[in-house]
Amino acid sequence: DGRFIHGVHAVDAPITFDRALTSTW
């Protein structure tokens, strides 16, 4: 889910384990 690369705050969607790790990019 590339929407989360700029942080979990940037997307109105559930913050899952995978998405949280993606956000460190």
mmCIF file of all heavy atoms, coordinates in Angstrom:
data_MODEL
# 
_entry.id   MODEL 
# 
loop_
_atom_site.group_PDB 
_atom_site.id 
_atom_site.type_symbol 
_atom_site.label_atom_id 
_atom_site.label_alt_id 
_atom_site.label_comp_id 
_atom_site.label_asym_id 
_atom_site.label_entity_id 
_atom_site.label_seq_id 
_atom_site.pdbx_PDB_ins_code 
_atom_site.Cartn_x 
_atom_site.Cartn_y 
_atom_site.Cartn_z 
_atom_site.occupancy 
_atom_site.B_iso_or_equiv 
_atom_site.pdbx_formal_charge 
_atom_site.auth_seq_id 
_atom_site.auth_comp_id 
_atom_site.auth_asym_id 
_atom_site.auth_atom_id 
_atom_site.pdbx_PDB_model_num 
ATOM 1   N N   . ASP A 1 1  ? 0.856   -1.188 0.000  1.00 0.00 ? 1  ASP A N   1 
ATOM 2   C CA  . ASP A 1 1  ? 0.000   0.000  0.000  1.00 0.00 ? 1  ASP A CA  1 
ATOM 3   C C   . ASP A 1 1  ? 0.890   1.235  0.000  1.00 0.00 ? 1  ASP A C   1 
ATOM 4   O O   . ASP A 1 1  ? 1.284   1.746  1.049  1.00 0.00 ? 1  ASP A O   1 
ATOM 5   C CB  . ASP A 1 1  ? -0.920  -0.007 1.223  1.00 0.00 ? 1  ASP A CB  1 
ATOM 6   C CG  . ASP A 1 1  ? -2.047  1.013  1.104  1.00 0.00 ? 1  ASP A CG  1 
ATOM 7   O OD1 . ASP A 1 1  ? -1.890  1.981  0.337  1.00 0.00 ? 1  ASP A OD1 1 
ATOM 8   O OD2 . ASP A 1 1  ? -3.086  0.834  1.766  1.00 0.00 ? 1  ASP A OD2 1 
ATOM 9   N N   . GLY A 1 2  ? 1.222   1.712  -1.201 1.00 0.00 ? 2  GLY A N   1 
ATOM 10  C CA  . GLY A 1 2  ? 2.141   2.829  -1.343 1.00 0.00 ? 2  GLY A CA  1 
ATOM 11  C C   . GLY A 1 2  ? 1.612   4.148  -0.818 1.00 0.00 ? 2  GLY A C   1 
ATOM 12  O O   . GLY A 1 2  ? 2.383   5.108  -0.683 1.00 0.00 ? 2  GLY A O   1 
ATOM 13  N N   . ARG A 1 3  ? 0.333   4.227  -0.493 1.00 0.00 ? 3  ARG A N   1 
ATOM 14  C CA  . ARG A 1 3  ? -0.204  5.469  0.056  1.00 0.00 ? 3  ARG A CA  1 
ATOM 15  C C   . ARG A 1 3  ? 0.451   5.836  1.378  1.00 0.00 ? 3  ARG A C   1 
ATOM 16  O O   . ARG A 1 3  ? 0.432   7.010  1.781  1.00 0.00 ? 3  ARG A O   1 
ATOM 17  C CB  . ARG A 1 3  ? -1.722  5.342  0.263  1.00 0.00 ? 3  ARG A CB  1 
ATOM 18  C CG  . ARG A 1 3  ? -2.526  5.100  -0.993 1.00 0.00 ? 3  ARG A CG  1 
ATOM 19  C CD  . ARG A 1 3  ? -3.993  4.920  -0.647 1.00 0.00 ? 3  ARG A CD  1 
ATOM 20  N NE  . ARG A 1 3  ? -4.200  3.782  0.243  1.00 0.00 ? 3  ARG A NE  1 
ATOM 21  C CZ  . ARG A 1 3  ? -5.339  3.550  0.909  1.00 0.00 ? 3  ARG A CZ  1 
ATOM 22  N NH1 . ARG A 1 3  ? -6.361  4.382  0.781  1.00 0.00 ? 3  ARG A NH1 1 
ATOM 23  N NH2 . ARG A 1 3  ? -5.467  2.486  1.692  1.00 0.00 ? 3  ARG A NH2 1 
ATOM 24  N N   . PHE A 1 4  ? 1.039   4.855  2.074  1.00 0.00 ? 4  PHE A N   1 
ATOM 25  C CA  . PHE A 1 4  ? 1.544   5.077  3.418  1.00 0.00 ? 4  PHE A CA  1 
ATOM 26  C C   . PHE A 1 4  ? 3.024   5.438  3.468  1.00 0.00 ? 4  PHE A C   1 
ATOM 27  O O   . PHE A 1 4  ? 3.580   5.621  4.552  1.00 0.00 ? 4  PHE A O   1 
ATOM 28  C CB  . PHE A 1 4  ? 1.280   3.844  4.284  1.00 0.00 ? 4  PHE A CB  1 
ATOM 29  C CG  . PHE A 1 4  ? -0.138  3.752  4.756  1.00 0.00 ? 4  PHE A CG  1 
ATOM 30  C CD1 . PHE A 1 4  ? -1.127  3.220  3.938  1.00 0.00 ? 4  PHE A CD1 1 
ATOM 31  C CD2 . PHE A 1 4  ? -0.505  4.227  6.004  1.00 0.00 ? 4  PHE A CD2 1 
ATOM 32  C CE1 . PHE A 1 4  ? -2.440  3.149  4.357  1.00 0.00 ? 4  PHE A CE1 1 
ATOM 33  C CE2 . PHE A 1 4  ? -1.818  4.153  6.443  1.00 0.00 ? 4  PHE A CE2 1 
ATOM 34  C CZ  . PHE A 1 4  ? -2.793  3.619  5.616  1.00 0.00 ? 4  PHE A CZ  1 
ATOM 35  N N   . ILE A 1 5  ? 3.679   5.585  2.323  1.00 0.00 ? 5  ILE A N   1 
ATOM 36  C CA  . ILE A 1 5  ? 5.125   5.830  2.370  1.00 0.00 ? 5  ILE A CA  1 
ATOM 37  C C   . ILE A 1 5  ? 5.480   7.159  3.008  1.00 0.00 ? 5  ILE A C   1 
ATOM 38  O O   . ILE A 1 5  ? 6.587   7.338  3.521  1.00 0.00 ? 5  ILE A O   1 
ATOM 39  C CB  . ILE A 1 5  ? 5.757   5.728  0.966  1.00 0.00 ? 5  ILE A CB  1 
ATOM 40  C CG1 . ILE A 1 5  ? 5.153   6.751  0.007  1.00 0.00 ? 5  ILE A CG1 1 
ATOM 41  C CG2 . ILE A 1 5  ? 5.663   4.306  0.428  1.00 0.00 ? 5  ILE A CG2 1 
ATOM 42  C CD1 . ILE A 1 5  ? 5.855   6.800  -1.334 1.00 0.00 ? 5  ILE A CD1 1 
ATOM 43  N N   . HIS A 1 6  ? 4.563   8.128  2.998  1.00 0.00 ? 6  HIS A N   1 
ATOM 44  C CA  . HIS A 1 6  ? 4.849   9.427  3.594  1.00 0.00 ? 6  HIS A CA  1 
ATOM 45  C C   . HIS A 1 6  ? 4.285   9.567  5.003  1.00 0.00 ? 6  HIS A C   1 
ATOM 46  O O   . HIS A 1 6  ? 4.251   10.666 5.551  1.00 0.00 ? 6  HIS A O   1 
ATOM 47  C CB  . HIS A 1 6  ? 4.322   10.541 2.695  1.00 0.00 ? 6  HIS A CB  1 
ATOM 48  C CG  . HIS A 1 6  ? 5.025   10.615 1.381  1.00 0.00 ? 6  HIS A CG  1 
ATOM 49  N ND1 . HIS A 1 6  ? 6.388   10.854 1.273  1.00 0.00 ? 6  HIS A ND1 1 
ATOM 50  C CD2 . HIS A 1 6  ? 4.577   10.466 0.102  1.00 0.00 ? 6  HIS A CD2 1 
ATOM 51  C CE1 . HIS A 1 6  ? 6.739   10.854 0.003  1.00 0.00 ? 6  HIS A CE1 1 
ATOM 52  N NE2 . HIS A 1 6  ? 5.666   10.617 -0.728 1.00 0.00 ? 6  HIS A NE2 1 
ATOM 53  N N   . GLY A 1 7  ? 3.860   8.461  5.607  1.00 0.00 ? 7  GLY A N   1 
ATOM 54  C CA  . GLY A 1 7  ? 3.408   8.489  6.988  1.00 0.00 ? 7  GLY A CA  1 
ATOM 55  C C   . GLY A 1 7  ? 1.975   8.041  7.147  1.00 0.00 ? 7  GLY A C   1 
ATOM 56  O O   . GLY A 1 7  ? 1.145   8.234  6.260  1.00 0.00 ? 7  GLY A O   1 
ATOM 57  N N   . VAL A 1 8  ? 1.687   7.464  8.299  1.00 0.00 ? 8  VAL A N   1 
ATOM 58  C CA  . VAL A 1 8  ? 0.339   6.969  8.558  1.00 0.00 ? 8  VAL A CA  1 
ATOM 59  C C   . VAL A 1 8  ? -0.659  8.123  8.686  1.00 0.00 ? 8  VAL A C   1 
ATOM 60  O O   . VAL A 1 8  ? -1.859  7.938  8.500  1.00 0.00 ? 8  VAL A O   1 
ATOM 61  C CB  . VAL A 1 8  ? 0.302   6.094  9.829  1.00 0.00 ? 8  VAL A CB  1 
ATOM 62  C CG1 . VAL A 1 8  ? 1.138   4.838  9.637  1.00 0.00 ? 8  VAL A CG1 1 
ATOM 63  C CG2 . VAL A 1 8  ? 0.784   6.872  11.046 1.00 0.00 ? 8  VAL A CG2 1 
ATOM 64  N N   . HIS A 1 9  ? -0.154  9.319  8.990  1.00 0.00 ? 9  HIS A N   1 
ATOM 65  C CA  . HIS A 1 9  ? -1.035  10.476 9.154  1.00 0.00 ? 9  HIS A CA  1 
ATOM 66  C C   . HIS A 1 9  ? -1.603  10.958 7.820  1.00 0.00 ? 9  HIS A C   1 
ATOM 67  O O   . HIS A 1 9  ? -2.577  11.705 7.799  1.00 0.00 ? 9  HIS A O   1 
ATOM 68  C CB  . HIS A 1 9  ? -0.251  11.629 9.785  1.00 0.00 ? 9  HIS A CB  1 
ATOM 69  C CG  . HIS A 1 9  ? 0.856   12.135 8.912  1.00 0.00 ? 9  HIS A CG  1 
ATOM 70  N ND1 . HIS A 1 9  ? 2.046   11.433 8.749  1.00 0.00 ? 9  HIS A ND1 1 
ATOM 71  C CD2 . HIS A 1 9  ? 0.953   13.234 8.121  1.00 0.00 ? 9  HIS A CD2 1 
ATOM 72  C CE1 . HIS A 1 9  ? 2.826   12.101 7.914  1.00 0.00 ? 9  HIS A CE1 1 
ATOM 73  N NE2 . HIS A 1 9  ? 2.191   13.194 7.527  1.00 0.00 ? 9  HIS A NE2 1 
ATOM 74  N N   . ALA A 1 10 ? -0.991  10.524 6.713  1.00 0.00 ? 10 ALA A N   1 
ATOM 75  C CA  . ALA A 1 10 ? -1.344  11.067 5.401  1.00 0.00 ? 10 ALA A CA  1 
ATOM 76  C C   . ALA A 1 10 ? -2.511  10.344 4.743  1.00 0.00 ? 10 ALA A C   1 
ATOM 77  O O   . ALA A 1 10 ? -2.978  10.768 3.684  1.00 0.00 ? 10 ALA A O   1 
ATOM 78  C CB  . ALA A 1 10 ? -0.126  11.019 4.479  1.00 0.00 ? 10 ALA A CB  1 
ATOM 79  N N   . VAL A 1 11 ? -3.001  9.256  5.346  1.00 0.00 ? 11 VAL A N   1 
ATOM 80  C CA  . VAL A 1 11 ? -4.006  8.417  4.701  1.00 0.00 ? 11 VAL A CA  1 
ATOM 81  C C   . VAL A 1 11 ? -5.156  8.155  5.669  1.00 0.00 ? 11 VAL A C   1 
ATOM 82  O O   . VAL A 1 11 ? -4.927  7.776  6.833  1.00 0.00 ? 11 VAL A O   1 
ATOM 83  C CB  . VAL A 1 11 ? -3.398  7.063  4.254  1.00 0.00 ? 11 VAL A CB  1 
ATOM 84  C CG1 . VAL A 1 11 ? -4.427  6.260  3.464  1.00 0.00 ? 11 VAL A CG1 1 
ATOM 85  C CG2 . VAL A 1 11 ? -2.148  7.288  3.419  1.00 0.00 ? 11 VAL A CG2 1 
ATOM 86  N N   . ASP A 1 12 ? -6.361  8.337  5.195  1.00 0.00 ? 12 ASP A N   1 
ATOM 87  C CA  . ASP A 1 12 ? -7.544  8.043  5.999  1.00 0.00 ? 12 ASP A CA  1 
ATOM 88  C C   . ASP A 1 12 ? -7.927  6.580  5.783  1.00 0.00 ? 12 ASP A C   1 
ATOM 89  O O   . ASP A 1 12 ? -8.827  6.246  5.012  1.00 0.00 ? 12 ASP A O   1 
ATOM 90  C CB  . ASP A 1 12 ? -8.697  8.968  5.603  1.00 0.00 ? 12 ASP A CB  1 
ATOM 91  C CG  . ASP A 1 12 ? -9.939  8.764  6.471  1.00 0.00 ? 12 ASP A CG  1 
ATOM 92  O OD1 . ASP A 1 12 ? -9.808  8.129  7.536  1.00 0.00 ? 12 ASP A OD1 1 
ATOM 93  O OD2 . ASP A 1 12 ? -11.034 9.225  6.074  1.00 0.00 ? 12 ASP A OD2 1 
ATOM 94  N N   . ALA A 1 13 ? -7.197  5.703  6.471  1.00 0.00 ? 13 ALA A N   1 
ATOM 95  C CA  . ALA A 1 13 ? -7.419  4.259  6.358  1.00 0.00 ? 13 ALA A CA  1 
ATOM 96  C C   . ALA A 1 13 ? -6.847  3.613  7.610  1.00 0.00 ? 13 ALA A C   1 
ATOM 97  O O   . ALA A 1 13 ? -6.011  4.215  8.308  1.00 0.00 ? 13 ALA A O   1 
ATOM 98  C CB  . ALA A 1 13 ? -6.750  3.699  5.099  1.00 0.00 ? 13 ALA A CB  1 
ATOM 99  N N   . PRO A 1 14 ? -7.273  2.397  7.935  1.00 0.00 ? 14 PRO A N   1 
ATOM 100 C CA  . PRO A 1 14 ? -6.749  1.736  9.132  1.00 0.00 ? 14 PRO A CA  1 
ATOM 101 C C   . PRO A 1 14 ? -5.227  1.617  9.105  1.00 0.00 ? 14 PRO A C   1 
ATOM 102 O O   . PRO A 1 14 ? -4.627  1.397  8.045  1.00 0.00 ? 14 PRO A O   1 
ATOM 103 C CB  . PRO A 1 14 ? -7.410  0.356  9.086  1.00 0.00 ? 14 PRO A CB  1 
ATOM 104 C CG  . PRO A 1 14 ? -8.664  0.567  8.300  1.00 0.00 ? 14 PRO A CG  1 
ATOM 105 C CD  . PRO A 1 14 ? -8.322  1.587  7.269  1.00 0.00 ? 14 PRO A CD  1 
ATOM 106 N N   . ILE A 1 15 ? -4.601  1.775  10.249 1.00 0.00 ? 15 ILE A N   1 
ATOM 107 C CA  . ILE A 1 15 ? -3.153  1.650  10.374 1.00 0.00 ? 15 ILE A CA  1 
ATOM 108 C C   . ILE A 1 15 ? -2.838  0.209  10.758 1.00 0.00 ? 15 ILE A C   1 
ATOM 109 O O   . ILE A 1 15 ? -2.974  -0.184 11.914 1.00 0.00 ? 15 ILE A O   1 
ATOM 110 C CB  . ILE A 1 15 ? -2.603  2.633  11.419 1.00 0.00 ? 15 ILE A CB  1 
ATOM 111 C CG1 . ILE A 1 15 ? -2.965  4.066  11.046 1.00 0.00 ? 15 ILE A CG1 1 
ATOM 112 C CG2 . ILE A 1 15 ? -1.077  2.481  11.540 1.00 0.00 ? 15 ILE A CG2 1 
ATOM 113 C CD1 . ILE A 1 15 ? -2.650  5.071  12.137 1.00 0.00 ? 15 ILE A CD1 1 
ATOM 114 N N   . THR A 1 16 ? -2.450  -0.574 9.787  1.00 0.00 ? 16 THR A N   1 
ATOM 115 C CA  . THR A 1 16 ? -2.116  -1.972 10.033 1.00 0.00 ? 16 THR A CA  1 
ATOM 116 C C   . THR A 1 16 ? -0.619  -2.113 10.304 1.00 0.00 ? 16 THR A C   1 
ATOM 117 O O   . THR A 1 16 ? 0.166   -1.170 10.129 1.00 0.00 ? 16 THR A O   1 
ATOM 118 C CB  . THR A 1 16 ? -2.493  -2.830 8.824  1.00 0.00 ? 16 THR A CB  1 
ATOM 119 O OG1 . THR A 1 16 ? -1.674  -2.433 7.715  1.00 0.00 ? 16 THR A OG1 1 
ATOM 120 C CG2 . THR A 1 16 ? -3.963  -2.661 8.459  1.00 0.00 ? 16 THR A CG2 1 
ATOM 121 N N   . PHE A 1 17 ? -0.233  -3.305 10.720 1.00 0.00 ? 17 PHE A N   1 
ATOM 122 C CA  . PHE A 1 17 ? 1.183   -3.601 10.981 1.00 0.00 ? 17 PHE A CA  1 
ATOM 123 C C   . PHE A 1 17 ? 2.025   -3.324 9.736  1.00 0.00 ? 17 PHE A C   1 
ATOM 124 O O   . PHE A 1 17 ? 3.051   -2.629 9.804  1.00 0.00 ? 17 PHE A O   1 
ATOM 125 C CB  . PHE A 1 17 ? 1.306   -5.058 11.412 1.00 0.00 ? 17 PHE A CB  1 
ATOM 126 C CG  . PHE A 1 17 ? 2.694   -5.473 11.816 1.00 0.00 ? 17 PHE A CG  1 
ATOM 127 C CD1 . PHE A 1 17 ? 3.135   -5.284 13.113 1.00 0.00 ? 17 PHE A CD1 1 
ATOM 128 C CD2 . PHE A 1 17 ? 3.537   -6.073 10.906 1.00 0.00 ? 17 PHE A CD2 1 
ATOM 129 C CE1 . PHE A 1 17 ? 4.420   -5.678 13.490 1.00 0.00 ? 17 PHE A CE1 1 
ATOM 130 C CE2 . PHE A 1 17 ? 4.818   -6.467 11.271 1.00 0.00 ? 17 PHE A CE2 1 
ATOM 131 C CZ  . PHE A 1 17 ? 5.258   -6.268 12.561 1.00 0.00 ? 17 PHE A CZ  1 
ATOM 132 N N   . ASP A 1 18 ? 1.603   -3.857 8.594  1.00 0.00 ? 18 ASP A N   1 
ATOM 133 C CA  . ASP A 1 18 ? 2.369   -3.670 7.358  1.00 0.00 ? 18 ASP A CA  1 
ATOM 134 C C   . ASP A 1 18 ? 2.435   -2.202 6.962  1.00 0.00 ? 18 ASP A C   1 
ATOM 135 O O   . ASP A 1 18 ? 3.479   -1.700 6.541  1.00 0.00 ? 18 ASP A O   1 
ATOM 136 C CB  . ASP A 1 18 ? 1.744   -4.477 6.213  1.00 0.00 ? 18 ASP A CB  1 
ATOM 137 C CG  . ASP A 1 18 ? 1.825   -5.978 6.446  1.00 0.00 ? 18 ASP A CG  1 
ATOM 138 O OD1 . ASP A 1 18 ? 2.876   -6.450 6.920  1.00 0.00 ? 18 ASP A OD1 1 
ATOM 139 O OD2 . ASP A 1 18 ? 0.838   -6.668 6.160  1.00 0.00 ? 18 ASP A OD2 1 
ATOM 140 N N   . ARG A 1 19 ? 1.325   -1.494 7.077  1.00 0.00 ? 19 ARG A N   1 
ATOM 141 C CA  . ARG A 1 19 ? 1.300   -0.086 6.685  1.00 0.00 ? 19 ARG A CA  1 
ATOM 142 C C   . ARG A 1 19 ? 2.178   0.762  7.589  1.00 0.00 ? 19 ARG A C   1 
ATOM 143 O O   . ARG A 1 19 ? 2.823   1.714  7.129  1.00 0.00 ? 19 ARG A O   1 
ATOM 144 C CB  . ARG A 1 19 ? -0.143  0.425  6.696  1.00 0.00 ? 19 ARG A CB  1 
ATOM 145 C CG  . ARG A 1 19 ? -0.981  -0.128 5.553  1.00 0.00 ? 19 ARG A CG  1 
ATOM 146 C CD  . ARG A 1 19 ? -2.453  0.149  5.750  1.00 0.00 ? 19 ARG A CD  1 
ATOM 147 N NE  . ARG A 1 19 ? -3.234  -0.192 4.562  1.00 0.00 ? 19 ARG A NE  1 
ATOM 148 C CZ  . ARG A 1 19 ? -4.553  -0.174 4.519  1.00 0.00 ? 19 ARG A CZ  1 
ATOM 149 N NH1 . ARG A 1 19 ? -5.258  0.161  5.608  1.00 0.00 ? 19 ARG A NH1 1 
ATOM 150 N NH2 . ARG A 1 19 ? -5.187  -0.493 3.405  1.00 0.00 ? 19 ARG A NH2 1 
ATOM 151 N N   . ALA A 1 20 ? 2.205   0.438  8.875  1.00 0.00 ? 20 ALA A N   1 
ATOM 152 C CA  . ALA A 1 20 ? 3.061   1.189  9.797  1.00 0.00 ? 20 ALA A CA  1 
ATOM 153 C C   . ALA A 1 20 ? 4.533   1.034  9.426  1.00 0.00 ? 20 ALA A C   1 
ATOM 154 O O   . ALA A 1 20 ? 5.301   2.013  9.455  1.00 0.00 ? 20 ALA A O   1 
ATOM 155 C CB  . ALA A 1 20 ? 2.821   0.720  11.229 1.00 0.00 ? 20 ALA A CB  1 
ATOM 156 N N   . LEU A 1 21 ? 4.949   -0.170 9.059  1.00 0.00 ? 21 LEU A N   1 
ATOM 157 C CA  . LEU A 1 21 ? 6.340   -0.374 8.658  1.00 0.00 ? 21 LEU A CA  1 
ATOM 158 C C   . LEU A 1 21 ? 6.638   0.286  7.323  1.00 0.00 ? 21 LEU A C   1 
ATOM 159 O O   . LEU A 1 21 ? 7.735   0.816  7.106  1.00 0.00 ? 21 LEU A O   1 
ATOM 160 C CB  . LEU A 1 21 ? 6.655   -1.865 8.609  1.00 0.00 ? 21 LEU A CB  1 
ATOM 161 C CG  . LEU A 1 21 ? 6.607   -2.588 9.949  1.00 0.00 ? 21 LEU A CG  1 
ATOM 162 C CD1 . LEU A 1 21 ? 6.923   -4.071 9.766  1.00 0.00 ? 21 LEU A CD1 1 
ATOM 163 C CD2 . LEU A 1 21 ? 7.568   -1.967 10.944 1.00 0.00 ? 21 LEU A CD2 1 
ATOM 164 N N   . THR A 1 22 ? 5.668   0.277  6.417  1.00 0.00 ? 22 THR A N   1 
ATOM 165 C CA  . THR A 1 22 ? 5.835   0.946  5.136  1.00 0.00 ? 22 THR A CA  1 
ATOM 166 C C   . THR A 1 22 ? 6.145   2.432  5.332  1.00 0.00 ? 22 THR A C   1 
ATOM 167 O O   . THR A 1 22 ? 6.923   3.029  4.576  1.00 0.00 ? 22 THR A O   1 
ATOM 168 C CB  . THR A 1 22 ? 4.557   0.801  4.291  1.00 0.00 ? 22 THR A CB  1 
ATOM 169 O OG1 . THR A 1 22 ? 4.370   -0.582 3.971  1.00 0.00 ? 22 THR A OG1 1 
ATOM 170 C CG2 . THR A 1 22 ? 4.633   1.597  2.998  1.00 0.00 ? 22 THR A CG2 1 
ATOM 171 N N   . SER A 1 23 ? 5.572   3.035  6.364  1.00 0.00 ? 23 SER A N   1 
ATOM 172 C CA  . SER A 1 23 ? 5.678   4.479  6.562  1.00 0.00 ? 23 SER A CA  1 
ATOM 173 C C   . SER A 1 23 ? 7.074   4.936  6.955  1.00 0.00 ? 23 SER A C   1 
ATOM 174 O O   . SER A 1 23 ? 7.354   6.134  6.953  1.00 0.00 ? 23 SER A O   1 
ATOM 175 C CB  . SER A 1 23 ? 4.674   4.932  7.628  1.00 0.00 ? 23 SER A CB  1 
ATOM 176 O OG  . SER A 1 23 ? 5.070   4.493  8.918  1.00 0.00 ? 23 SER A OG  1 
ATOM 177 N N   . THR A 1 24 ? 7.991   4.009  7.283  1.00 0.00 ? 24 THR A N   1 
ATOM 178 C CA  . THR A 1 24 ? 9.352   4.425  7.633  1.00 0.00 ? 24 THR A CA  1 
ATOM 179 C C   . THR A 1 24 ? 10.192  4.757  6.395  1.00 0.00 ? 24 THR A C   1 
ATOM 180 O O   . THR A 1 24 ? 11.306  5.255  6.524  1.00 0.00 ? 24 THR A O   1 
ATOM 181 C CB  . THR A 1 24 ? 10.062  3.333  8.447  1.00 0.00 ? 24 THR A CB  1 
ATOM 182 O OG1 . THR A 1 24 ? 10.219  2.151  7.646  1.00 0.00 ? 24 THR A OG1 1 
ATOM 183 C CG2 . THR A 1 24 ? 9.272   2.982  9.703  1.00 0.00 ? 24 THR A CG2 1 
ATOM 184 N N   . TRP A 1 25 ? 9.651   4.513  5.224  1.00 0.00 ? 25 TRP A N   1 
ATOM 185 C CA  . TRP A 1 25 ? 10.357  4.690  3.945  1.00 0.00 ? 25 TRP A CA  1 
ATOM 186 C C   . TRP A 1 25 ? 10.995  6.068  3.800  1.00 0.00 ? 25 TRP A C   1 
ATOM 187 O O   . TRP A 1 25 ? 12.130  6.197  3.349  1.00 0.00 ? 25 TRP A O   1 
ATOM 188 C CB  . TRP A 1 25 ? 9.361   4.442  2.808  1.00 0.00 ? 25 TRP A CB  1 
ATOM 189 C CG  . TRP A 1 25 ? 9.860   4.620  1.416  1.00 0.00 ? 25 TRP A CG  1 
ATOM 190 C CD1 . TRP A 1 25 ? 10.516  3.707  0.658  1.00 0.00 ? 25 TRP A CD1 1 
ATOM 191 C CD2 . TRP A 1 25 ? 9.682   5.778  0.580  1.00 0.00 ? 25 TRP A CD2 1 
ATOM 192 N NE1 . TRP A 1 25 ? 10.772  4.217  -0.601 1.00 0.00 ? 25 TRP A NE1 1 
ATOM 193 C CE2 . TRP A 1 25 ? 10.266  5.483  -0.661 1.00 0.00 ? 25 TRP A CE2 1 
ATOM 194 C CE3 . TRP A 1 25 ? 9.081   7.030  0.776  1.00 0.00 ? 25 TRP A CE3 1 
ATOM 195 C CZ2 . TRP A 1 25 ? 10.281  6.410  -1.714 1.00 0.00 ? 25 TRP A CZ2 1 
ATOM 196 C CZ3 . TRP A 1 25 ? 9.092   7.944  -0.267 1.00 0.00 ? 25 TRP A CZ3 1 
ATOM 197 C CH2 . TRP A 1 25 ? 9.688   7.637  -1.500 1.00 0.00 ? 25 TRP A CH2 1 
# 
